[in-house]
Amino acid sequence: MSDSLQKKRFVIARLHWLIDNPTESPTAGITAYREQVGPDDLFSVFVRFTVPGQDDNKWQEAKIYALVEEMESRLPSPGSKLVLTAGANPVAEAEVVAEGAE
């Protein structure tokens, strides 16, 4: 299989927002770290939001990809959490519920 056809790993997560006004965009380039490791684990991720909230219009679910292949191993397994950040400021907790590749 050539590199151009290699599947990209992602995780599916339920989001708990820590800020009042999260993005309204369906995608975001942002930083994250594994909750159990802490902020020293910070790496770049691409988030594709998939489920809007019913009452508050905040995104409630997302697919999260590492921006570079070398960081895919940092995407946690189901049952773990990623903390999404804007710089050093946490903006959401992402509880990983599944993983996949596309």
Protein backbone atom coordinates (compact mmCIF):
# COMPACT_ATOMS: atom_id res chain seq x y z
CA MET A 1 0.00 0.00 0.00
CA SER A 2 1.43 3.40 -0.91
CA ASP A 3 1.75 6.20 1.64
CA SER A 4 -0.94 8.22 -0.15
CA LEU A 5 -3.45 5.41 0.48
CA GLN A 6 -2.48 4.77 4.10
CA LYS A 7 -5.41 5.12 6.49
CA LYS A 8 -5.41 7.95 9.01
CA ARG A 9 -6.24 6.96 12.61
CA PHE A 10 -8.78 9.02 14.56
CA VAL A 11 -10.79 8.85 17.77
CA ILE A 12 -14.44 9.66 18.29
CA ALA A 13 -15.11 11.66 21.44
CA ARG A 14 -17.99 13.17 23.41
CA LEU A 15 -17.24 16.79 24.23
CA HIS A 16 -17.75 18.66 27.48
CA TRP A 17 -17.08 22.35 26.84
CA LEU A 18 -15.22 24.37 29.46
CA ILE A 19 -15.94 27.71 27.76
CA ASP A 20 -19.21 29.54 27.13
CA ASN A 21 -18.81 30.22 23.42
CA PRO A 22 -17.16 27.34 21.56
CA THR A 23 -16.60 27.47 17.83
CA GLU A 24 -19.55 27.33 15.46
CA SER A 25 -17.33 25.99 12.67
CA PRO A 26 -17.65 22.28 11.77
CA THR A 27 -13.83 21.87 11.92
CA ALA A 28 -10.95 23.25 13.96
CA GLY A 29 -7.18 23.02 14.13
CA ILE A 30 -6.34 23.09 17.84
CA THR A 31 -3.99 21.63 20.42
CA ALA A 32 -4.65 18.85 22.91
CA TYR A 33 -3.05 16.71 25.57
CA ARG A 34 -3.86 13.38 27.17
CA GLU A 35 -5.52 14.05 30.53
CA GLN A 36 -3.51 11.36 32.36
CA VAL A 37 -0.19 12.76 31.04
CA GLY A 38 -0.85 16.49 31.44
CA PRO A 39 -0.02 19.71 29.57
CA ASP A 40 3.59 18.65 28.84
CA ASP A 41 2.02 16.21 26.33
CA LEU A 42 0.61 19.02 24.14
CA PHE A 43 0.31 18.20 20.41
CA SER A 44 -1.66 19.52 17.41
CA VAL A 45 -4.95 17.94 16.36
CA PHE A 46 -7.60 18.43 13.70
CA VAL A 47 -11.17 18.21 14.98
CA ARG A 48 -14.18 17.44 12.79
CA PHE A 49 -17.32 18.10 14.82
CA THR A 50 -20.12 15.66 14.01
CA VAL A 51 -23.07 16.11 16.39
CA PRO A 52 -24.52 19.52 17.29
CA GLY A 53 -26.23 19.91 20.66
CA GLN A 54 -30.02 19.97 20.75
CA ASP A 55 -30.56 22.77 23.27
CA ASP A 56 -27.38 24.82 23.45
CA ASN A 57 -26.07 24.43 19.86
CA LYS A 58 -22.63 23.46 21.18
CA TRP A 59 -20.92 20.60 19.38
CA GLN A 60 -21.28 17.40 21.42
CA GLU A 61 -19.27 14.85 19.44
CA ALA A 62 -16.22 14.94 17.18
CA LYS A 63 -13.66 12.93 15.25
CA ILE A 64 -10.18 13.92 16.38
CA TYR A 65 -7.08 13.34 14.24
CA ALA A 66 -3.41 13.97 15.06
CA LEU A 67 -2.04 16.52 12.58
CA VAL A 68 1.11 14.51 11.95
CA GLU A 69 1.44 10.73 11.68
CA GLU A 70 4.16 10.64 14.34
CA MET A 71 1.63 11.91 16.90
CA GLU A 72 -1.14 9.39 16.14
CA SER A 73 0.11 7.20 18.99
CA ARG A 74 -0.85 10.00 21.39
CA LEU A 75 -4.53 9.65 20.51
CA PRO A 76 -5.90 7.79 23.55
CA SER A 77 -7.93 4.60 23.68
CA PRO A 78 -11.66 4.54 24.43
CA GLY A 79 -12.38 5.40 28.05
CA SER A 80 -9.58 7.97 28.21
CA LYS A 81 -9.79 11.75 27.83
CA LEU A 82 -8.11 14.39 25.74
CA VAL A 83 -8.11 17.99 26.90
CA LEU A 84 -8.58 20.34 23.94
CA THR A 85 -6.78 23.64 24.37
CA ALA A 86 -6.38 27.05 22.81
CA GLY A 87 -2.71 27.54 23.52
CA ALA A 88 -2.32 26.59 27.19
CA ASN A 89 -5.99 27.26 28.04
CA PRO A 90 -8.29 24.20 28.25
CA VAL A 91 -11.47 24.72 26.21
CA ALA A 92 -13.05 21.23 26.25
CA GLU A 93 -12.69 17.73 27.65
CA ALA A 94 -13.07 15.03 25.01
CA GLU A 95 -14.06 11.60 26.35
CA VAL A 96 -12.92 9.02 23.81
CA VAL A 97 -15.70 6.53 23.03
CA ALA A 98 -14.32 4.80 19.90
CA GLU A 99 -11.45 4.78 17.44
CA GLY A 100 -11.22 4.24 13.72
CA ALA A 101 -9.29 4.87 10.52
CA GLU A 102 -10.18 6.31 7.12
